[in-house]
Amino acid sequence: MSPRTYKIALLALAIALLVGVGFTQSHLNRDRTAMGLTRIQPLENAPPVLAFTTVALGGFRGLIANALWVRMMDLQDSDKYFEMVQLADWITKLQPHLTTVWIVQAWNMAYNISVKFKESAPGQFPDRWRWVQAGIELLRDQALRYNPKEPLLYRELAGFFFHKIGQDLDDAHFYYKKQWIDAMTTVLGGGRPNWDELLRPQTAEAKHRVQVLEQTYKLDPREMKRVDDTYGPLDWRLPETQAIYWAMLGMEKSTGDLMPLRRMIYQAMQLAFQRGRLIVAKDAHTLMFAPNLDIIPKVNESYEVMLKQEQMEKENIRNAHKNFLKDAVYFLYEHNRLAEAAYWFKYLCKRFPTSPLLYADNKSLPGTLTLDEYALRRVTEDVSETSHTRVTSAIEGPIQQSYLALAMGSDADAENFMLFARRVYQNFEAKIPTKAEVRVGMPKFKDLQNEVLTRLLDPRQSPLGPELMAVLRTRLDLPTPTNAPPTTAAPR
């Protein structure tokens, strides 16, 4: 073959190959898009050198991302968190499927940057809340959009709701809770949504609220209903409910290690049990959290499931389960739900027959205490007959809870707390000998009520604001306050 013919043959082959690539490229691009492997997004606000290098290198975008990542880690080591924000944003555009950078960026916003801002007024942290929101939105609105099957992203998002907003480690935690509760109240109207209205909206207002749920908060009403049926009834204004939602959604959509999501669900369920009932005062400014006793069966079931699924942490989960059941019995008794308390007390004794019921008494095995004895000793187990301060504190606690609930408009809670306080008092009265009672100086129950009420209505030491103090006075038919502290409590 002559050199000229050889060159013509090579040229023809090259043309044929190019034509073939042209036919297959469109199919390849469609497949890459369908499989979520391609996302081309131009860099915004990037320096010209970085923008040019990205275009010039094309397939070497990963090298640029690696260089930026190294620089970002250097900034983190130097506590230069604000400078990290833009670098992380570029990396997510270059490598949107790199899970770690999404997590680091969101954590940086919600934890490292947010705490740099102080309160703008007493109890007000709008700038800090703005960065916490930014971290949540980065994971929820962007990271999961490009990585819908990545369990770590669901775990991190659920963890932000559970830990950053739900816990009290940040001194602005109550402000976060209030902001989230207000937002959810606006779109849902209350903690228990009208599921028929959300699933089949008829009015323009209902359709708008569903649109806000889906587009702004990325909450699917059908998924919400399924979560509530599985783990509820839940209060959808509370952050722990959001943690359960995103963890359950991750369980269904993710692949890989799902154990962290399972753990998040039962941890959030435990928190929802402990304080998953929200009481809002009529002034809409004061919030009180109470146990959600209606989900005790679902919480118990979640522990039983975890015990079967996670063998390595079985002993820790078993201890947590036991402590949950102890609290469940006590809270039910405290709230005068005695039949349910008796059922779960029997369940506790049967489930853990060799474990002491009381922390301070190793001899308090099942069968040695009645339900009444257990519940009352939970309050008084570290109180001797001569410890006057502890005796009065154990009784004044539920009395104060009763008055607080009354001021918040929760009459049933108010009555149950006062009944519980009387039970505790009567238990002391029955067990302390007359001489010891004189020596201890045990006041009358009426005097304890007056003492608690005096503190609650004294602006110098009351945890209540002026509005709630006025409400409490009205509910108890007390006269308008004078310059002197109140001394007379209405009987309850």
Protein backbone atom coordinates (compact mmCIF):
# COMPACT_ATOMS: atom_id res chain seq x y z
CA MET A 1 0.00 0.00 0.00
CA SER A 2 1.41 3.34 -1.04
CA PRO A 3 1.91 6.04 1.61
CA ARG A 4 -0.79 8.17 0.00
CA THR A 5 -3.35 5.37 0.04
CA TYR A 6 -2.40 4.57 3.65
CA LYS A 7 -3.03 8.17 4.71
CA ILE A 8 -6.38 8.27 2.92
CA ALA A 9 -7.40 5.03 4.67
CA LEU A 10 -6.45 6.45 8.07
CA LEU A 11 -8.42 9.63 7.33
CA ALA A 12 -11.48 7.63 6.28
CA LEU A 13 -11.21 5.53 9.45
CA ALA A 14 -10.97 8.64 11.59
CA ILE A 15 -14.04 10.14 9.92
CA ALA A 16 -15.96 6.90 10.44
CA LEU A 17 -14.99 6.80 14.11
CA LEU A 18 -16.03 10.42 14.62
CA VAL A 19 -19.39 9.76 13.00
CA GLY A 20 -19.82 6.72 15.23
CA VAL A 21 -18.97 8.72 18.34
CA GLY A 22 -21.47 11.37 17.27
CA PHE A 23 -24.25 8.76 17.10
CA THR A 24 -23.40 7.20 20.48
CA GLN A 25 -22.61 10.41 22.37
CA SER A 26 -26.24 11.51 22.59
CA HIS A 27 -27.25 8.10 23.98
CA LEU A 28 -24.35 8.19 26.41
CA ASN A 29 -25.29 11.67 27.64
CA ARG A 30 -28.89 10.61 28.21
CA ASP A 31 -27.76 7.56 30.18
CA ARG A 32 -25.33 9.64 32.29
CA THR A 33 -28.08 12.14 33.07
CA ALA A 34 -30.58 9.39 33.91
CA MET A 35 -28.07 7.75 36.25
CA GLY A 36 -27.23 11.06 37.92
CA LEU A 37 -23.60 10.98 36.83
CA THR A 38 -23.49 14.33 35.04
CA ARG A 39 -24.06 17.86 36.23
CA ILE A 40 -22.42 20.69 34.39
CA GLN A 41 -22.86 24.02 36.13
CA PRO A 42 -20.65 27.05 35.50
CA LEU A 43 -18.77 28.51 38.40
CA GLU A 44 -20.25 31.73 39.73
CA ASN A 45 -18.14 34.56 41.16
CA ALA A 46 -14.97 32.54 40.63
CA PRO A 47 -11.66 34.29 39.95
CA PRO A 48 -10.87 34.47 36.21
CA VAL A 49 -7.88 32.13 36.56
CA LEU A 50 -10.03 29.45 38.21
CA ALA A 51 -12.82 29.83 35.65
CA PHE A 52 -10.35 29.62 32.72
CA THR A 53 -8.53 26.63 34.19
CA THR A 54 -11.81 24.78 34.73
CA VAL A 55 -12.89 25.25 31.12
CA ALA A 56 -9.44 24.46 29.76
CA LEU A 57 -8.94 21.30 31.77
CA GLY A 58 -12.50 19.98 31.33
CA GLY A 59 -12.24 16.41 32.52
CA PHE A 60 -9.62 17.37 35.08
CA ARG A 61 -12.20 19.17 37.21
CA GLY A 62 -11.43 16.68 39.96
CA LEU A 63 -7.85 17.94 40.19
CA ILE A 64 -9.11 21.49 40.70
CA ALA A 65 -11.51 20.29 43.37
CA ASN A 66 -8.69 18.46 45.16
CA ALA A 67 -6.54 21.60 45.18
CA LEU A 68 -9.44 23.65 46.55
CA TRP A 69 -10.13 20.98 49.17
CA VAL A 70 -6.54 21.12 50.43
CA ARG A 71 -6.80 24.89 50.68
CA MET A 72 -10.14 24.64 52.49
CA MET A 73 -8.69 22.26 55.08
CA ASP A 74 -5.83 24.71 55.69
CA LEU A 75 -8.37 27.44 56.32
CA GLN A 76 -10.29 25.19 58.70
CA ASP A 77 -7.13 24.48 60.68
CA SER A 78 -6.69 28.25 60.97
CA ASP A 79 -10.33 28.77 62.08
CA LYS A 80 -11.01 30.89 58.98
CA TYR A 81 -14.53 29.59 58.52
CA PHE A 82 -15.94 32.49 56.53
CA GLU A 83 -13.24 32.09 53.88
CA MET A 84 -14.13 28.41 53.61
CA VAL A 85 -17.68 29.12 52.44
CA GLN A 86 -16.81 30.22 48.91
CA LEU A 87 -14.22 27.47 48.40
CA ALA A 88 -16.71 24.84 49.47
CA ASP A 89 -19.30 26.31 47.12
CA TRP A 90 -16.89 25.99 44.18
CA ILE A 91 -16.03 22.41 45.13
CA THR A 92 -19.70 21.40 45.23
CA LYS A 93 -20.11 22.84 41.72
CA LEU A 94 -17.04 21.01 40.48
CA GLN A 95 -17.80 17.72 42.26
CA PRO A 96 -21.50 17.68 43.24
CA HIS A 97 -21.37 13.98 44.14
CA LEU A 98 -18.61 14.41 46.72
CA THR A 99 -20.62 13.84 49.89
CA THR A 100 -17.96 14.97 52.32
CA VAL A 101 -17.76 18.52 51.06
CA TRP A 102 -21.52 19.02 51.43
CA ILE A 103 -21.36 17.79 55.02
CA VAL A 104 -18.33 19.90 55.91
CA GLN A 105 -19.84 22.99 54.33
CA ALA A 106 -23.21 22.58 56.09
CA TRP A 107 -21.54 21.88 59.45
CA ASN A 108 -19.31 24.91 58.98
CA MET A 109 -22.34 27.15 58.44
CA ALA A 110 -24.57 25.77 61.18
CA TYR A 111 -21.95 25.23 63.88
CA ASN A 112 -18.72 27.14 63.26
CA ILE A 113 -19.94 30.36 61.64
CA SER A 114 -23.27 30.70 63.46
CA VAL A 115 -21.66 30.91 66.91
CA LYS A 116 -19.57 33.90 65.79
CA PHE A 117 -22.70 36.05 66.07
CA LYS A 118 -23.97 37.36 69.39
CA GLU A 119 -27.52 38.14 70.39
CA SER A 120 -28.93 41.35 68.90
CA ALA A 121 -31.25 41.81 71.90
CA PRO A 122 -31.89 39.73 75.00
CA GLY A 123 -32.76 36.24 73.76
CA GLN A 124 -32.67 37.26 70.09
CA PHE A 125 -30.22 35.57 67.68
CA PRO A 126 -31.43 36.34 64.13
CA ASP A 127 -27.95 36.28 62.53
CA ARG A 128 -27.06 33.00 64.18
CA TRP A 129 -30.36 31.45 63.09
CA ARG A 130 -29.73 32.61 59.52
CA TRP A 131 -26.54 30.52 59.32
CA VAL A 132 -28.18 27.50 60.94
CA GLN A 133 -30.91 27.72 58.30
CA ALA A 134 -28.27 28.02 55.58
CA GLY A 135 -26.65 24.77 56.69
CA ILE A 136 -30.00 22.97 56.70
CA GLU A 137 -30.99 24.35 53.31
CA LEU A 138 -27.64 23.38 51.78
CA LEU A 139 -28.20 19.73 52.69
CA ARG A 140 -31.93 19.63 52.08
CA ASP A 141 -32.25 21.74 48.94
CA GLN A 142 -28.96 21.07 47.15
CA ALA A 143 -26.98 18.11 48.48
CA LEU A 144 -29.92 15.69 48.43
CA ARG A 145 -30.99 16.98 45.03
CA TYR A 146 -27.79 15.66 43.48
CA ASN A 147 -27.26 12.75 45.89
CA PRO A 148 -30.73 11.37 46.67
CA LYS A 149 -29.42 7.93 47.63
CA GLU A 150 -26.66 8.99 50.01
CA PRO A 151 -27.53 7.92 53.61
CA LEU A 152 -24.91 10.17 55.24
CA LEU A 153 -26.64 13.27 53.91
CA TYR A 154 -30.00 12.19 55.35
CA ARG A 155 -28.30 11.36 58.63
CA GLU A 156 -26.59 14.75 58.78
CA LEU A 157 -29.78 16.65 57.94
CA ALA A 158 -31.76 14.75 60.55
CA GLY A 159 -28.92 15.36 63.02
CA PHE A 160 -29.10 19.13 62.51
CA PHE A 161 -32.76 19.11 63.54
CA PHE A 162 -32.18 16.69 66.41
CA HIS A 163 -28.98 18.17 67.82
CA LYS A 164 -28.57 21.79 66.71
CA ILE A 165 -32.22 22.82 67.12
CA GLY A 166 -33.64 20.07 69.31
CA GLN A 167 -30.97 19.94 72.03
CA ASP A 168 -29.89 22.73 74.38
CA LEU A 169 -26.11 22.84 73.87
CA ASP A 170 -26.26 26.12 71.94
CA ASP A 171 -27.23 29.09 74.10
CA ALA A 172 -29.53 30.21 71.27
CA HIS A 173 -31.36 26.86 71.13
CA PHE A 174 -34.65 28.25 72.41
CA TYR A 175 -34.60 30.98 69.76
CA TYR A 176 -34.02 28.30 67.09
CA LYS A 177 -36.94 26.27 68.40
CA LYS A 178 -39.21 29.30 68.49
CA GLN A 179 -38.33 30.27 64.91
CA TRP A 180 -38.94 26.77 63.60
CA ILE A 181 -42.18 26.37 65.57
CA ASP A 182 -43.46 29.70 64.22
CA ALA A 183 -42.60 28.68 60.65
CA MET A 184 -44.33 25.31 60.94
CA THR A 185 -47.33 26.84 62.70
CA THR A 186 -47.76 29.25 59.80
CA VAL A 187 -47.84 26.49 57.21
CA LEU A 188 -49.55 23.72 59.23
CA GLY A 189 -51.75 25.70 61.58
CA GLY A 190 -50.83 23.50 64.55
CA GLY A 191 -48.88 20.47 65.64
CA ARG A 192 -51.41 17.94 64.42
CA PRO A 193 -52.05 18.62 60.73
CA ASN A 194 -55.37 18.08 59.02
CA TRP A 195 -54.22 15.20 56.85
CA ASP A 196 -57.29 15.19 54.62
CA GLU A 197 -56.76 18.85 53.84
CA LEU A 198 -53.03 18.36 53.14
CA LEU A 199 -53.50 15.27 50.98
CA ARG A 200 -56.54 16.58 49.10
CA PRO A 201 -56.43 20.41 49.27
CA GLN A 202 -59.60 22.05 48.03
CA THR A 203 -59.25 25.74 48.87
CA ALA A 204 -56.68 28.17 47.50
CA GLU A 205 -55.25 28.60 51.00
CA ALA A 206 -54.82 24.85 51.49
CA LYS A 207 -53.17 24.49 48.08
CA HIS A 208 -50.79 27.33 48.91
CA ARG A 209 -49.80 25.71 52.21
CA VAL A 210 -49.10 22.40 50.48
CA GLN A 211 -47.04 24.26 47.90
CA VAL A 212 -44.98 25.90 50.66
CA LEU A 213 -44.48 22.54 52.36
CA GLU A 214 -43.26 20.88 49.18
CA GLN A 215 -41.24 23.69 47.61
CA THR A 216 -39.81 25.55 50.60
CA TYR A 217 -39.44 22.81 53.21
CA LYS A 218 -39.24 19.81 50.84
CA LEU A 219 -41.87 17.97 52.91
CA ASP A 220 -44.17 15.58 51.09
CA PRO A 221 -47.59 15.43 52.85
CA ARG A 222 -47.97 11.76 51.88
CA GLU A 223 -44.61 10.91 53.45
CA MET A 224 -45.49 13.01 56.51
CA LYS A 225 -48.71 11.05 56.96
CA ARG A 226 -46.84 7.76 56.66
CA VAL A 227 -44.24 8.85 59.22
CA ASP A 228 -47.01 9.89 61.60
CA ASP A 229 -48.83 6.60 61.13
CA THR A 230 -45.62 4.67 61.80
CA TYR A 231 -44.17 6.63 64.72
CA GLY A 232 -46.86 9.07 65.87
CA PRO A 233 -48.93 10.84 66.81
CA LEU A 234 -46.21 13.48 66.48
CA ASP A 235 -46.17 17.25 66.83
CA TRP A 236 -44.97 18.47 63.43
CA ARG A 237 -43.86 21.83 64.79
CA LEU A 238 -41.02 20.24 66.77
CA PRO A 239 -37.50 19.61 65.41
CA GLU A 240 -37.35 15.98 66.55
CA THR A 241 -40.28 15.21 64.25
CA GLN A 242 -38.26 16.59 61.33
CA ALA A 243 -35.36 14.37 62.38
CA ILE A 244 -37.62 11.31 62.26
CA TYR A 245 -39.00 12.36 58.87
CA TRP A 246 -35.62 12.76 57.17
CA ALA A 247 -34.16 9.64 58.77
CA MET A 248 -37.13 7.54 57.64
CA LEU A 249 -36.99 9.06 54.15
CA GLY A 250 -33.30 8.20 54.01
CA MET A 251 -34.05 4.63 55.07
CA GLU A 252 -36.35 4.25 52.07
CA LYS A 253 -34.34 6.05 49.41
CA SER A 254 -30.73 5.33 50.34
CA THR A 255 -28.42 2.44 49.67
CA GLY A 256 -25.51 1.32 51.82
CA ASP A 257 -25.15 1.45 55.59
CA LEU A 258 -28.53 2.45 57.03
CA MET A 259 -27.71 1.80 60.69
CA PRO A 260 -26.97 5.49 61.51
CA LEU A 261 -30.45 6.36 60.23
CA ARG A 262 -32.05 3.68 62.40
CA ARG A 263 -30.21 5.06 65.42
CA MET A 264 -31.35 8.57 64.62
CA ILE A 265 -34.98 7.43 64.51
CA TYR A 266 -34.96 5.82 67.94
CA GLN A 267 -32.97 8.71 69.47
CA ALA A 268 -35.45 11.23 68.06
CA MET A 269 -38.34 9.06 69.23
CA GLN A 270 -36.89 9.12 72.75
CA LEU A 271 -36.72 12.92 72.64
CA ALA A 272 -40.26 13.13 71.24
CA PHE A 273 -41.45 11.02 74.17
CA GLN A 274 -39.65 13.12 76.76
CA ARG A 275 -40.86 16.52 75.55
CA GLY A 276 -42.81 16.02 72.33
CA ARG A 277 -45.98 17.81 73.39
CA LEU A 278 -45.93 21.55 72.86
CA ILE A 279 -48.07 23.90 74.94
CA VAL A 280 -48.28 27.45 73.62
CA ALA A 281 -49.56 30.24 75.85
CA LYS A 282 -52.32 32.49 74.58
CA ASP A 283 -49.80 35.29 74.09
CA ALA A 284 -48.02 32.98 71.57
CA HIS A 285 -44.66 33.97 73.08
CA THR A 286 -44.30 31.49 75.91
CA LEU A 287 -43.74 27.81 75.18
CA MET A 288 -43.81 24.81 77.49
CA PHE A 289 -42.73 21.30 76.54
CA ALA A 290 -44.32 18.22 78.07
CA PRO A 291 -43.96 14.47 77.52
CA ASN A 292 -45.82 12.98 74.58
CA LEU A 293 -47.28 9.99 76.40
CA ASP A 294 -49.37 8.88 73.42
CA ILE A 295 -46.33 7.58 71.53
CA ILE A 296 -45.05 5.29 74.30
CA PRO A 297 -46.11 2.11 72.40
CA LYS A 298 -44.35 3.32 69.23
CA VAL A 299 -41.18 4.26 71.12
CA ASN A 300 -41.15 0.87 72.81
CA GLU A 301 -41.56 -0.81 69.42
CA SER A 302 -38.64 1.18 67.99
CA TYR A 303 -36.39 -0.09 70.80
CA GLU A 304 -37.49 -3.67 70.21
CA VAL A 305 -36.69 -3.33 66.49
CA MET A 306 -33.27 -1.84 67.22
CA LEU A 307 -32.45 -4.69 69.61
CA LYS A 308 -33.05 -7.16 66.79
CA GLN A 309 -31.17 -5.20 64.13
CA GLU A 310 -28.07 -3.96 65.93
CA GLN A 311 -26.18 -6.71 67.69
CA MET A 312 -22.93 -4.79 68.38
CA GLU A 313 -24.70 -2.12 70.48
CA LYS A 314 -27.28 -4.49 71.93
CA GLU A 315 -26.35 -3.94 75.59
CA ASN A 316 -26.40 -0.14 75.29
CA ILE A 317 -29.77 -0.23 73.54
CA ARG A 318 -31.09 -2.63 76.16
CA ASN A 319 -30.12 -0.21 78.95
CA ALA A 320 -31.67 2.70 77.08
CA HIS A 321 -34.85 0.68 76.59
CA LYS A 322 -35.01 -0.12 80.30
CA ASN A 323 -34.53 3.53 81.29
CA PHE A 324 -37.21 4.58 78.81
CA LEU A 325 -39.72 2.17 80.35
CA LYS A 326 -38.91 3.47 83.83
CA ASP A 327 -39.55 7.02 82.69
CA ALA A 328 -42.71 5.99 80.84
CA VAL A 329 -44.22 4.48 83.98
CA TYR A 330 -43.27 7.52 86.06
CA PHE A 331 -44.58 10.10 83.58
CA LEU A 332 -47.85 8.22 83.12
CA TYR A 333 -48.31 8.05 86.89
CA GLU A 334 -47.40 11.72 87.25
CA HIS A 335 -50.03 12.66 84.66
CA ASN A 336 -52.71 10.56 86.40
CA ARG A 337 -52.91 7.96 83.61
CA LEU A 338 -52.85 5.20 86.17
CA ALA A 339 -54.22 2.32 84.08
CA GLU A 340 -51.53 2.85 81.42
CA ALA A 341 -48.90 3.26 84.14
CA ALA A 342 -49.94 -0.10 85.61
CA TYR A 343 -49.71 -1.79 82.19
CA TRP A 344 -46.20 -0.51 81.44
CA PHE A 345 -45.04 -1.17 85.01
CA LYS A 346 -46.03 -4.79 84.55
CA TYR A 347 -44.31 -4.82 81.14
CA LEU A 348 -41.14 -3.32 82.67
CA CYS A 349 -41.02 -5.91 85.44
CA LYS A 350 -41.56 -8.77 83.00
CA ARG A 351 -39.07 -7.46 80.44
CA PHE A 352 -36.29 -6.79 82.98
CA PRO A 353 -36.98 -9.11 85.93
CA THR A 354 -33.45 -8.96 87.39
CA SER A 355 -32.80 -5.22 87.10
CA PRO A 356 -33.39 -2.83 90.03
CA LEU A 357 -36.27 -0.43 89.47
CA LEU A 358 -34.61 2.43 91.38
CA TYR A 359 -31.16 3.78 90.60
CA ALA A 360 -30.21 4.28 94.26
CA ASP A 361 -31.52 0.95 95.56
CA ASN A 362 -30.04 -2.27 94.18
CA LYS A 363 -32.60 -4.27 96.17
CA SER A 364 -35.59 -2.69 94.44
CA LEU A 365 -36.17 -5.65 92.14
CA PRO A 366 -39.48 -6.25 90.36
CA GLY A 367 -41.92 -7.76 92.81
CA THR A 368 -40.59 -5.81 95.79
CA LEU A 369 -42.39 -2.55 94.96
CA THR A 370 -45.93 -1.67 93.98
CA LEU A 371 -46.63 0.87 91.28
CA ASP A 372 -47.46 3.56 93.87
CA GLU A 373 -44.27 2.85 95.80
CA TYR A 374 -42.14 2.95 92.66
CA ALA A 375 -43.57 6.23 91.34
CA LEU A 376 -43.35 8.01 94.68
CA ARG A 377 -39.88 6.72 95.42
CA ARG A 378 -38.75 8.00 92.02
CA VAL A 379 -39.29 11.44 93.49
CA THR A 380 -38.00 10.71 96.95
CA GLU A 381 -35.49 7.88 96.60
CA ASP A 382 -32.59 10.09 97.77
CA VAL A 383 -34.59 11.82 100.52
CA SER A 384 -34.33 10.82 104.14
CA GLU A 385 -36.88 11.66 106.80
CA THR A 386 -34.70 14.49 108.10
CA SER A 387 -33.83 16.22 104.79
CA HIS A 388 -36.28 19.11 104.98
CA THR A 389 -35.01 20.85 101.85
CA ARG A 390 -35.32 17.79 99.67
CA VAL A 391 -38.72 16.88 101.04
CA THR A 392 -40.19 20.29 100.29
CA SER A 393 -38.45 20.45 96.91
CA ALA A 394 -39.91 17.11 95.89
CA ILE A 395 -43.41 18.41 96.63
CA GLU A 396 -43.00 21.98 95.40
CA GLY A 397 -41.77 20.78 91.99
CA PRO A 398 -45.10 19.37 90.78
CA ILE A 399 -46.99 22.20 92.52
CA GLN A 400 -45.08 24.73 90.44
CA GLN A 401 -45.65 22.64 87.31
CA SER A 402 -49.35 22.71 88.12
CA TYR A 403 -49.47 26.51 88.33
CA LEU A 404 -47.37 26.89 85.18
CA ALA A 405 -49.72 24.60 83.26
CA LEU A 406 -52.69 26.58 84.56
CA ALA A 407 -51.16 29.82 83.31
CA MET A 408 -50.48 28.21 79.92
CA GLY A 409 -54.11 27.14 79.62
CA SER A 410 -53.48 23.40 80.05
CA ASP A 411 -56.03 22.65 82.77
CA ALA A 412 -55.73 18.87 82.59
CA ASP A 413 -51.97 19.04 83.20
CA ALA A 414 -52.51 21.51 86.02
CA GLU A 415 -54.92 19.17 87.79
CA ASN A 416 -52.74 16.09 87.29
CA PHE A 417 -49.59 17.77 88.61
CA MET A 418 -51.43 18.97 91.72
CA LEU A 419 -52.83 15.48 92.32
CA PHE A 420 -49.35 14.06 92.02
CA ALA A 421 -47.99 16.64 94.48
CA ARG A 422 -50.69 15.62 96.97
CA ARG A 423 -49.76 11.95 96.55
CA VAL A 424 -46.13 12.72 97.27
CA TYR A 425 -47.09 14.77 100.32
CA GLN A 426 -49.43 12.10 101.65
CA ASN A 427 -46.73 9.49 101.17
CA PHE A 428 -44.37 11.50 103.39
CA GLU A 429 -47.09 12.18 105.91
CA ALA A 430 -47.85 8.46 106.20
CA LYS A 431 -44.22 7.34 106.51
CA ILE A 432 -42.68 10.05 108.71
CA PRO A 433 -43.42 9.54 112.43
CA THR A 434 -45.10 12.37 114.29
CA LYS A 435 -41.98 13.24 116.28
CA ALA A 436 -39.86 13.23 113.15
CA GLU A 437 -42.42 15.42 111.41
CA VAL A 438 -42.10 17.97 114.19
CA ARG A 439 -38.30 17.76 114.01
CA VAL A 440 -38.21 18.13 110.23
CA GLY A 441 -40.67 21.00 110.37
CA MET A 442 -42.82 19.67 107.54
CA PRO A 443 -45.21 22.48 106.48
CA LYS A 444 -48.84 21.92 105.62
CA PHE A 445 -49.69 21.27 101.97
CA LYS A 446 -51.62 24.54 101.80
CA ASP A 447 -48.54 26.41 103.01
CA LEU A 448 -46.44 24.79 100.31
CA GLN A 449 -48.96 25.92 97.69
CA ASN A 450 -48.83 29.47 99.03
CA GLU A 451 -45.03 29.48 99.05
CA VAL A 452 -44.82 28.34 95.42
CA LEU A 453 -47.47 30.80 94.29
CA THR A 454 -45.77 33.65 96.11
CA ARG A 455 -42.58 33.02 94.17
CA LEU A 456 -44.41 32.69 90.87
CA LEU A 457 -46.23 35.99 91.31
CA ASP A 458 -43.22 37.92 92.57
CA PRO A 459 -41.60 39.71 89.55
CA ARG A 460 -38.24 39.60 91.29
CA GLN A 461 -38.00 35.79 91.21
CA SER A 462 -40.77 34.48 88.96
CA PRO A 463 -39.91 32.58 85.75
CA LEU A 464 -43.16 33.94 84.30
CA GLY A 465 -43.46 37.15 82.32
CA PRO A 466 -45.95 39.87 83.27
CA GLU A 467 -48.59 38.53 80.87
CA LEU A 468 -48.56 35.00 82.29
CA MET A 469 -48.49 36.27 85.86
CA ALA A 470 -51.64 38.27 85.07
CA VAL A 471 -53.22 35.19 83.49
CA LEU A 472 -52.42 33.09 86.56
CA ARG A 473 -53.94 35.70 88.87
CA THR A 474 -57.09 35.72 86.77
CA ARG A 475 -57.34 31.93 86.70
CA LEU A 476 -56.98 31.79 90.51
CA ASP A 477 -59.34 34.77 91.13
CA LEU A 478 -56.60 36.67 92.93
CA PRO A 479 -56.84 40.45 93.42
CA THR A 480 -54.84 42.97 91.41
CA PRO A 481 -51.24 43.02 92.69
CA THR A 482 -50.04 45.68 95.12
CA ASN A 483 -46.49 46.69 95.94
CA ALA A 484 -46.31 43.86 98.44
CA PRO A 485 -45.66 40.30 97.29
CA PRO A 486 -48.75 38.06 97.22
CA THR A 487 -49.32 35.88 100.23
CA THR A 488 -52.62 34.13 99.60
CA ALA A 489 -53.17 31.30 97.14
CA ALA A 490 -56.52 30.14 95.92
CA PRO A 491 -57.11 26.52 96.91
CA ARG A 492 -56.72 23.85 94.27
